[in-house]
Amino acid sequence: MLKIGSTCPNRALAGLLALSAGVLISGVAAAQDAPAVPAPEDEPAPSAEPEHKIQLTKKRPMIDLATPTPAGPVGRTFHEHDGFTLRINAGLGTLLSAKASGDVGPSVETGGLTLSYDLLIGGAPSPGFTLGGALSGSMQLSGDWELNSGLKVASGNLNTIVIGPFAQGYPDPHGNLHFGGMLGLARLGADTSGPGDGLSAIGVGGAFWAGTGVWVAPDWSVGGLVRLDAATGKDDDVSLTSVGLSVMFSVLYN
């Protein structure tokens, strides 16, 4: 009985050892049969060339949706009052007051229709503001020189020329509404008492105008203006003065 009882545990222990050895051998065989994991390769160096906006050759296609910073606003280069300026005006007006008076003798006055004209040449130191030189004049077309009593002494023939600097401004540099003025040397010529007795008075004169217009080309505009002008001068002992108002057609290159 003792022999049989001691033999059973020995057999059980031997069987357990054999089972453990079989499991270990199976694990080693499975590990040898498994495919080897490749070692990671080194990452390629970044390229100096800029990447394409759309890249479809990589493992993960990429589209760059970034937008560039917008450029600054571009200023208008036409329909703007800047740079060289040339304005020509012509129209009709009236003499509001014209008088010739001397140190001795009676004074005579005249009035009537006039032909008015202007030539302005200059430049714009800043958009919408123009400086330059101007020639402004008027020539009497109708009327008579008369004494205070109404007696006619000669046909009206007063003409005035003023040369000097001018300034002109535009509230909107892209519009044509404008205001301007000039002041300069004036010459007034007249024949107040018949042929052969002409006057040529030298003095000062000026004008103020306001007008508007429309663009007809990138640098050309046409329109109209109203001009108020005045001049005074003296020839020996005779003084000549005139004040006129004109409505004029205007052509502008600017």
C-alpha atoms as a PDB file:
ATOM      1  CA  MET A   1       0.000   0.000   0.000  1.00  0.00           C
ATOM      2  CA  LEU A   2       2.819   2.348   0.820  1.00  0.00           C
ATOM      3  CA  LYS A   3       4.574   1.637  -2.459  1.00  0.00           C
ATOM      4  CA  ILE A   4       1.520   2.412  -4.543  1.00  0.00           C
ATOM      5  CA  GLY A   5       0.797   5.678  -2.653  1.00  0.00           C
ATOM      6  CA  SER A   6       4.298   7.066  -3.142  1.00  0.00           C
ATOM      7  CA  THR A   7       4.436   6.229  -6.836  1.00  0.00           C
ATOM      8  CA  CYS A   8       1.351   8.348  -7.791  1.00  0.00           C
ATOM      9  CA  PRO A   9       2.702  11.722  -6.724  1.00  0.00           C
ATOM     10  CA  ASN A  10       5.937  11.110  -8.577  1.00  0.00           C
ATOM     11  CA  ARG A  11       4.052  10.370 -11.767  1.00  0.00           C
ATOM     12  CA  ALA A  12       1.868  13.488 -11.418  1.00  0.00           C
ATOM     13  CA  LEU A  13       4.950  15.694 -10.953  1.00  0.00           C
ATOM     14  CA  ALA A  14       6.614  14.215 -14.005  1.00  0.00           C
ATOM     15  CA  GLY A  15       3.523  14.866 -16.114  1.00  0.00           C
ATOM     16  CA  LEU A  16       3.331  18.523 -15.009  1.00  0.00           C
ATOM     17  CA  LEU A  17       6.995  19.068 -15.932  1.00  0.00           C
ATOM     18  CA  ALA A  18       6.440  17.529 -19.348  1.00  0.00           C
ATOM     19  CA  LEU A  19       3.411  19.822 -20.006  1.00  0.00           C
ATOM     20  CA  SER A  20       5.375  22.956 -19.020  1.00  0.00           C
ATOM     21  CA  ALA A  21       8.250  22.007 -21.310  1.00  0.00           C
ATOM     22  CA  GLY A  22       5.826  21.535 -24.225  1.00  0.00           C
ATOM     23  CA  VAL A  23       4.233  24.997 -23.715  1.00  0.00           C
ATOM     24  CA  LEU A  24       7.673  26.652 -23.564  1.00  0.00           C
ATOM     25  CA  ILE A  25       8.853  24.919 -26.763  1.00  0.00           C
ATOM     26  CA  SER A  26       5.638  25.967 -28.580  1.00  0.00           C
ATOM     27  CA  GLY A  27       6.113  29.645 -27.584  1.00  0.00           C
ATOM     28  CA  VAL A  28       9.710  29.713 -28.845  1.00  0.00           C
ATOM     29  CA  ALA A  29       8.655  28.176 -32.158  1.00  0.00           C
ATOM     30  CA  ALA A  30       5.843  30.714 -32.611  1.00  0.00           C
ATOM     31  CA  ALA A  31       8.228  33.604 -31.929  1.00  0.00           C
ATOM     32  CA  GLN A  32      10.648  32.275 -34.541  1.00  0.00           C
ATOM     33  CA  ASP A  33       7.873  31.918 -37.128  1.00  0.00           C
ATOM     34  CA  ALA A  34       6.510  35.552 -36.604  1.00  0.00           C
ATOM     35  CA  PRO A  35       7.619  38.117 -39.274  1.00  0.00           C
ATOM     36  CA  ALA A  36      10.320  40.498 -38.164  1.00  0.00           C
ATOM     37  CA  VAL A  37       9.233  44.152 -37.577  1.00  0.00           C
ATOM     38  CA  PRO A  38      11.349  46.422 -39.795  1.00  0.00           C
ATOM     39  CA  ALA A  39      13.384  49.041 -38.012  1.00  0.00           C
ATOM     40  CA  PRO A  40      12.137  52.642 -38.537  1.00  0.00           C
ATOM     41  CA  GLU A  41      13.964  54.500 -41.239  1.00  0.00           C
ATOM     42  CA  ASP A  42      15.394  57.986 -40.744  1.00  0.00           C
ATOM     43  CA  GLU A  43      13.103  60.897 -41.760  1.00  0.00           C
ATOM     44  CA  PRO A  44      14.291  62.682 -44.942  1.00  0.00           C
ATOM     45  CA  ALA A  45      15.751  66.173 -44.500  1.00  0.00           C
ATOM     46  CA  PRO A  46      13.273  69.006 -45.221  1.00  0.00           C
ATOM     47  CA  SER A  47      13.535  70.415 -48.745  1.00  0.00           C
ATOM     48  CA  ALA A  48      14.524  74.036 -49.270  1.00  0.00           C
ATOM     49  CA  GLU A  49      11.987  74.388 -52.101  1.00  0.00           C
ATOM     50  CA  PRO A  50       8.561  75.810 -51.155  1.00  0.00           C
ATOM     51  CA  GLU A  51       5.809  73.244 -50.925  1.00  0.00           C
ATOM     52  CA  HIS A  52       3.147  73.202 -53.571  1.00  0.00           C
ATOM     53  CA  LYS A  53      -0.253  74.596 -52.676  1.00  0.00           C
ATOM     54  CA  ILE A  54      -1.856  71.285 -53.627  1.00  0.00           C
ATOM     55  CA  GLN A  55       0.147  68.097 -52.895  1.00  0.00           C
ATOM     56  CA  LEU A  56      -1.313  64.781 -53.979  1.00  0.00           C
ATOM     57  CA  THR A  57       1.849  62.601 -54.043  1.00  0.00           C
ATOM     58  CA  LYS A  58       2.257  62.199 -50.299  1.00  0.00           C
ATOM     59  CA  LYS A  59       0.557  59.497 -48.254  1.00  0.00           C
ATOM     60  CA  ARG A  60      -1.868  62.137 -46.962  1.00  0.00           C
ATOM     61  CA  PRO A  61      -2.886  64.632 -49.694  1.00  0.00           C
ATOM     62  CA  MET A  62      -2.597  68.252 -48.532  1.00  0.00           C
ATOM     63  CA  ILE A  63      -4.337  71.433 -49.730  1.00  0.00           C
ATOM     64  CA  ASP A  64      -3.116  74.814 -48.436  1.00  0.00           C
ATOM     65  CA  LEU A  65      -6.154  76.977 -47.699  1.00  0.00           C
ATOM     66  CA  ALA A  66      -4.206  79.943 -46.352  1.00  0.00           C
ATOM     67  CA  THR A  67      -5.022  83.312 -48.042  1.00  0.00           C
ATOM     68  CA  PRO A  68      -2.379  86.018 -48.561  1.00  0.00           C
ATOM     69  CA  THR A  69      -2.698  89.408 -46.869  1.00  0.00           C
ATOM     70  CA  PRO A  70      -4.677  91.747 -49.176  1.00  0.00           C
ATOM     71  CA  ALA A  71      -2.711  94.565 -50.805  1.00  0.00           C
ATOM     72  CA  GLY A  72      -3.308  98.170 -49.815  1.00  0.00           C
ATOM     73  CA  PRO A  73      -5.854 100.316 -51.697  1.00  0.00           C
ATOM     74  CA  VAL A  74      -4.699 101.691 -55.038  1.00  0.00           C
ATOM     75  CA  GLY A  75      -5.272 105.426 -55.481  1.00  0.00           C
ATOM     76  CA  ARG A  76      -7.196 106.654 -58.489  1.00  0.00           C
ATOM     77  CA  THR A  77      -4.888 108.052 -61.181  1.00  0.00           C
ATOM     78  CA  PHE A  78      -7.563 109.685 -63.335  1.00  0.00           C
ATOM     79  CA  HIS A  79     -10.515 112.022 -62.734  1.00  0.00           C
ATOM     80  CA  GLU A  80      -8.448 113.705 -60.049  1.00  0.00           C
ATOM     81  CA  HIS A  81      -7.285 117.309 -59.893  1.00  0.00           C
ATOM     82  CA  ASP A  82      -3.532 116.960 -59.541  1.00  0.00           C
ATOM     83  CA  GLY A  83      -0.437 117.710 -61.606  1.00  0.00           C
ATOM     84  CA  PHE A  84      -0.354 120.133 -64.512  1.00  0.00           C
ATOM     85  CA  THR A  85      -3.414 122.379 -64.972  1.00  0.00           C
ATOM     86  CA  LEU A  86      -4.641 124.279 -68.032  1.00  0.00           C
ATOM     87  CA  ARG A  87      -8.004 126.072 -67.971  1.00  0.00           C
ATOM     88  CA  ILE A  88      -9.521 128.209 -70.722  1.00  0.00           C
ATOM     89  CA  ASN A  89     -12.677 130.258 -70.081  1.00  0.00           C
ATOM     90  CA  ALA A  90     -14.754 132.382 -72.451  1.00  0.00           C
ATOM     91  CA  GLY A  91     -18.169 133.965 -72.152  1.00  0.00           C
ATOM     92  CA  LEU A  92     -20.311 137.056 -71.997  1.00  0.00           C
ATOM     93  CA  GLY A  93     -20.735 139.530 -69.178  1.00  0.00           C
ATOM     94  CA  THR A  94     -21.912 142.949 -68.221  1.00  0.00           C
ATOM     95  CA  LEU A  95     -20.264 146.053 -66.786  1.00  0.00           C
ATOM     96  CA  LEU A  96     -21.815 146.607 -63.386  1.00  0.00           C
ATOM     97  CA  SER A  97     -19.862 149.823 -62.986  1.00  0.00           C
ATOM     98  CA  ALA A  98     -17.280 151.604 -65.124  1.00  0.00           C
ATOM     99  CA  LYS A  99     -16.091 155.148 -64.597  1.00  0.00           C
ATOM    100  CA  ALA A 100     -13.461 157.570 -65.851  1.00  0.00           C
ATOM    101  CA  SER A 101     -12.755 160.568 -63.630  1.00  0.00           C
ATOM    102  CA  GLY A 102     -10.059 163.230 -63.686  1.00  0.00           C
ATOM    103  CA  ASP A 103      -8.608 165.789 -61.327  1.00  0.00           C
ATOM    104  CA  VAL A 104     -10.318 168.430 -63.464  1.00  0.00           C
ATOM    105  CA  GLY A 105     -13.375 168.140 -65.650  1.00  0.00           C
ATOM    106  CA  PRO A 106     -16.514 165.973 -65.360  1.00  0.00           C
ATOM    107  CA  SER A 107     -16.609 162.225 -64.900  1.00  0.00           C
ATOM    108  CA  VAL A 108     -18.071 159.853 -67.451  1.00  0.00           C
ATOM    109  CA  GLU A 109     -19.604 156.436 -66.956  1.00  0.00           C
ATOM    110  CA  THR A 110     -20.448 153.485 -69.156  1.00  0.00           C
ATOM    111  CA  GLY A 111     -22.004 150.052 -69.101  1.00  0.00           C
ATOM    112  CA  GLY A 112     -23.029 147.309 -71.476  1.00  0.00           C
ATOM    113  CA  LEU A 113     -22.229 143.872 -72.781  1.00  0.00           C
ATOM    114  CA  THR A 114     -18.686 142.507 -72.567  1.00  0.00           C
ATOM    115  CA  LEU A 115     -16.709 139.582 -73.980  1.00  0.00           C
ATOM    116  CA  SER A 116     -14.785 137.911 -71.145  1.00  0.00           C
ATOM    117  CA  TYR A 117     -11.910 135.424 -71.257  1.00  0.00           C
ATOM    118  CA  ASP A 118      -9.386 133.696 -68.973  1.00  0.00           C
ATOM    119  CA  LEU A 119      -6.240 131.619 -69.416  1.00  0.00           C
ATOM    120  CA  LEU A 120      -4.919 129.776 -66.360  1.00  0.00           C
ATOM    121  CA  ILE A 121      -1.742 127.660 -66.285  1.00  0.00           C
ATOM    122  CA  GLY A 122      -0.395 126.017 -63.147  1.00  0.00           C
ATOM    123  CA  GLY A 123       0.016 122.885 -61.100  1.00  0.00           C
ATOM    124  CA  ALA A 124      -1.352 121.141 -58.032  1.00  0.00           C
ATOM    125  CA  PRO A 125       0.960 120.942 -54.989  1.00  0.00           C
ATOM    126  CA  SER A 126      -1.639 118.609 -53.500  1.00  0.00           C
ATOM    127  CA  PRO A 127      -4.759 116.922 -54.931  1.00  0.00           C
ATOM    128  CA  GLY A 128      -7.613 119.401 -55.154  1.00  0.00           C
ATOM    129  CA  PHE A 129      -5.537 122.579 -54.767  1.00  0.00           C
ATOM    130  CA  THR A 130      -4.019 124.446 -57.731  1.00  0.00           C
ATOM    131  CA  LEU A 131      -1.599 127.380 -57.956  1.00  0.00           C
ATOM    132  CA  GLY A 132      -0.286 129.165 -61.031  1.00  0.00           C
ATOM    133  CA  GLY A 133      -0.457 132.208 -63.246  1.00  0.00           C
ATOM    134  CA  ALA A 134      -3.512 133.678 -64.952  1.00  0.00           C
ATOM    135  CA  LEU A 135      -4.459 136.167 -67.622  1.00  0.00           C
ATOM    136  CA  SER A 136      -7.975 137.537 -67.236  1.00  0.00           C
ATOM    137  CA  GLY A 137      -9.643 140.118 -69.433  1.00  0.00           C
ATOM    138  CA  SER A 138     -12.801 141.639 -70.839  1.00  0.00           C
ATOM    139  CA  MET A 139     -13.688 143.779 -73.836  1.00  0.00           C
ATOM    140  CA  GLN A 140     -16.744 146.050 -74.045  1.00  0.00           C
ATOM    141  CA  LEU A 141     -19.089 145.208 -76.916  1.00  0.00           C
ATOM    142  CA  SER A 142     -21.929 147.682 -76.398  1.00  0.00           C
ATOM    143  CA  GLY A 143     -22.762 150.866 -74.478  1.00  0.00           C
ATOM    144  CA  ASP A 144     -21.649 154.513 -74.481  1.00  0.00           C
ATOM    145  CA  TRP A 145     -19.585 156.842 -72.350  1.00  0.00           C
ATOM    146  CA  GLU A 146     -21.998 159.345 -70.862  1.00  0.00           C
ATOM    147  CA  LEU A 147     -21.868 162.344 -68.573  1.00  0.00           C
ATOM    148  CA  ASN A 148     -23.862 162.346 -65.356  1.00  0.00           C
ATOM    149  CA  SER A 149     -26.565 164.246 -67.215  1.00  0.00           C
ATOM    150  CA  GLY A 150     -26.936 161.375 -69.684  1.00  0.00           C
ATOM    151  CA  LEU A 151     -25.205 163.154 -72.558  1.00  0.00           C
ATOM    152  CA  LYS A 152     -23.254 160.758 -74.785  1.00  0.00           C
ATOM    153  CA  VAL A 153     -19.610 161.720 -75.306  1.00  0.00           C
ATOM    154  CA  ALA A 154     -18.202 158.583 -76.967  1.00  0.00           C
ATOM    155  CA  SER A 155     -18.953 154.956 -77.796  1.00  0.00           C
ATOM    156  CA  GLY A 156     -18.167 152.484 -75.052  1.00  0.00           C
ATOM    157  CA  ASN A 157     -14.824 150.776 -75.666  1.00  0.00           C
ATOM    158  CA  LEU A 158     -13.398 149.834 -72.285  1.00  0.00           C
ATOM    159  CA  ASN A 159     -11.060 146.867 -72.228  1.00  0.00           C
ATOM    160  CA  THR A 160      -9.317 145.368 -69.232  1.00  0.00           C
ATOM    161  CA  ILE A 161      -6.458 142.885 -68.815  1.00  0.00           C
ATOM    162  CA  VAL A 162      -5.173 141.515 -65.488  1.00  0.00           C
ATOM    163  CA  ILE A 163      -2.056 139.324 -65.178  1.00  0.00           C
ATOM    164  CA  GLY A 164      -1.053 137.690 -61.908  1.00  0.00           C
ATOM    165  CA  PRO A 165      -1.046 134.588 -59.685  1.00  0.00           C
ATOM    166  CA  PHE A 166      -4.169 132.571 -58.979  1.00  0.00           C
ATOM    167  CA  ALA A 167      -5.300 129.939 -56.497  1.00  0.00           C
ATOM    168  CA  GLN A 168      -8.072 127.417 -57.040  1.00  0.00           C
ATOM    169  CA  GLY A 169      -9.544 124.769 -54.788  1.00  0.00           C
ATOM    170  CA  TYR A 170     -11.827 121.745 -55.176  1.00  0.00           C
ATOM    171  CA  PRO A 171     -13.774 120.547 -52.112  1.00  0.00           C
ATOM    172  CA  ASP A 172     -13.641 117.067 -53.672  1.00  0.00           C
ATOM    173  CA  PRO A 173     -10.364 116.368 -55.574  1.00  0.00           C
ATOM    174  CA  HIS A 174     -12.319 114.003 -57.873  1.00  0.00           C
ATOM    175  CA  GLY A 175     -15.207 116.408 -58.481  1.00  0.00           C
ATOM    176  CA  ASN A 176     -15.485 119.563 -60.571  1.00  0.00           C
ATOM    177  CA  LEU A 177     -17.025 122.018 -58.114  1.00  0.00           C
ATOM    178  CA  HIS A 178     -14.324 124.657 -57.603  1.00  0.00           C
ATOM    179  CA  PHE A 179     -13.639 128.134 -56.243  1.00  0.00           C
ATOM    180  CA  GLY A 180     -10.795 130.389 -57.282  1.00  0.00           C
ATOM    181  CA  GLY A 181      -9.375 133.860 -57.274  1.00  0.00           C
ATOM    182  CA  MET A 182      -6.531 135.950 -58.651  1.00  0.00           C
ATOM    183  CA  LEU A 183      -4.855 139.317 -58.043  1.00  0.00           C
ATOM    184  CA  GLY A 184      -2.341 141.074 -60.239  1.00  0.00           C
ATOM    185  CA  LEU A 185      -1.242 143.927 -62.450  1.00  0.00           C
ATOM    186  CA  ALA A 186      -4.050 145.518 -64.467  1.00  0.00           C
ATOM    187  CA  ARG A 187      -4.234 147.634 -67.603  1.00  0.00           C
ATOM    188  CA  LEU A 188      -7.429 149.489 -68.499  1.00  0.00           C
ATOM    189  CA  GLY A 189      -7.795 151.085 -71.933  1.00  0.00           C
ATOM    190  CA  ALA A 190     -10.577 153.360 -73.180  1.00  0.00           C
ATOM    191  CA  ASP A 191     -11.433 156.297 -75.442  1.00  0.00           C
ATOM    192  CA  THR A 192     -13.777 158.443 -73.396  1.00  0.00           C
ATOM    193  CA  SER A 193     -14.116 161.541 -75.589  1.00  0.00           C
ATOM    194  CA  GLY A 194     -13.925 160.483 -79.228  1.00  0.00           C
ATOM    195  CA  PRO A 195     -11.188 159.361 -81.578  1.00  0.00           C
ATOM    196  CA  GLY A 196      -7.603 160.332 -80.789  1.00  0.00           C
ATOM    197  CA  ASP A 197      -8.060 160.783 -77.037  1.00  0.00           C
ATOM    198  CA  GLY A 198      -7.335 157.306 -75.625  1.00  0.00           C
ATOM    199  CA  LEU A 199      -6.526 156.375 -72.044  1.00  0.00           C
ATOM    200  CA  SER A 200      -4.161 153.610 -70.874  1.00  0.00           C
ATOM    201  CA  ALA A 201      -4.368 153.273 -67.113  1.00  0.00           C
ATOM    202  CA  ILE A 202      -2.056 150.977 -65.119  1.00  0.00           C
ATOM    203  CA  GLY A 203      -3.073 149.652 -61.721  1.00  0.00           C
ATOM    204  CA  VAL A 204      -4.295 146.537 -59.938  1.00  0.00           C
ATOM    205  CA  GLY A 205      -7.112 144.139 -60.574  1.00  0.00           C
ATOM    206  CA  GLY A 206      -8.491 140.810 -59.537  1.00  0.00           C
ATOM    207  CA  ALA A 207     -11.259 138.292 -59.975  1.00  0.00           C
ATOM    208  CA  PHE A 208     -13.177 135.691 -58.039  1.00  0.00           C
ATOM    209  CA  TRP A 209     -15.037 132.769 -59.609  1.00  0.00           C
ATOM    210  CA  ALA A 210     -17.027 129.667 -58.790  1.00  0.00           C
ATOM    211  CA  GLY A 211     -18.018 126.885 -61.143  1.00  0.00           C
ATOM    212  CA  THR A 212     -18.511 123.213 -61.832  1.00  0.00           C
ATOM    213  CA  GLY A 213     -18.403 120.737 -64.721  1.00  0.00           C
ATOM    214  CA  VAL A 214     -18.342 117.115 -65.855  1.00  0.00           C
ATOM    215  CA  TRP A 215     -15.531 114.751 -66.836  1.00  0.00           C
ATOM    216  CA  VAL A 216     -15.422 113.933 -70.549  1.00  0.00           C
ATOM    217  CA  ALA A 217     -12.080 112.053 -70.532  1.00  0.00           C
ATOM    218  CA  PRO A 218      -9.610 110.826 -67.877  1.00  0.00           C
ATOM    219  CA  ASP A 219      -7.938 114.275 -67.698  1.00  0.00           C
ATOM    220  CA  TRP A 220     -10.447 116.570 -69.433  1.00  0.00           C
ATOM    221  CA  SER A 221     -13.588 118.246 -68.118  1.00  0.00           C
ATOM    222  CA  VAL A 222     -15.962 120.908 -69.403  1.00  0.00           C
ATOM    223  CA  GLY A 223     -18.348 123.113 -67.501  1.00  0.00           C
ATOM    224  CA  GLY A 224     -19.263 126.644 -66.610  1.00  0.00           C
ATOM    225  CA  LEU A 225     -18.487 129.313 -64.049  1.00  0.00           C
ATOM    226  CA  VAL A 226     -19.517 132.742 -62.831  1.00  0.00           C
ATOM    227  CA  ARG A 227     -16.766 135.370 -62.524  1.00  0.00           C
ATOM    228  CA  LEU A 228     -16.789 138.663 -60.656  1.00  0.00           C
ATOM    229  CA  ASP A 229     -13.912 140.959 -61.622  1.00  0.00           C
ATOM    230  CA  ALA A 230     -12.703 144.457 -60.778  1.00  0.00           C
ATOM    231  CA  ALA A 231      -9.810 146.711 -61.788  1.00  0.00           C
ATOM    232  CA  THR A 232      -8.583 150.218 -61.226  1.00  0.00           C
ATOM    233  CA  GLY A 233      -5.739 152.245 -62.711  1.00  0.00           C
ATOM    234  CA  LYS A 234      -4.525 155.750 -63.436  1.00  0.00           C
ATOM    235  CA  ASP A 235      -3.226 157.510 -66.563  1.00  0.00           C
ATOM    236  CA  ASP A 236      -1.686 160.868 -65.640  1.00  0.00           C
ATOM    237  CA  ASP A 237      -4.544 162.734 -63.957  1.00  0.00           C
ATOM    238  CA  VAL A 238      -7.364 160.405 -65.096  1.00  0.00           C
ATOM    239  CA  SER A 239      -8.490 157.321 -63.168  1.00  0.00           C
ATOM    240  CA  LEU A 240     -10.348 154.374 -64.671  1.00  0.00           C
ATOM    241  CA  THR A 241     -12.309 151.797 -62.674  1.00  0.00           C
ATOM    242  CA  SER A 242     -14.467 148.858 -63.695  1.00  0.00           C
ATOM    243  CA  VAL A 243     -16.510 146.109 -62.070  1.00  0.00           C
ATOM    244  CA  GLY A 244     -17.977 143.296 -64.152  1.00  0.00           C
ATOM    245  CA  LEU A 245     -19.899 140.049 -63.867  1.00  0.00           C
ATOM    246  CA  SER A 246     -19.558 137.262 -66.449  1.00  0.00           C
ATOM    247  CA  VAL A 247     -20.997 133.826 -67.192  1.00  0.00           C
ATOM    248  CA  MET A 248     -18.382 131.683 -68.920  1.00  0.00           C
ATOM    249  CA  PHE A 249     -17.864 128.310 -70.581  1.00  0.00           C
ATOM    250  CA  SER A 250     -14.808 126.463 -69.287  1.00  0.00           C
ATOM    251  CA  VAL A 251     -12.511 123.736 -70.630  1.00  0.00           C
ATOM    252  CA  LEU A 252     -10.039 122.149 -68.205  1.00  0.00           C
ATOM    253  CA  TYR A 253      -7.088 119.802 -68.632  1.00  0.00           C
ATOM    254  CA  ASN A 254      -5.908 118.449 -65.297  1.00  0.00           C
END
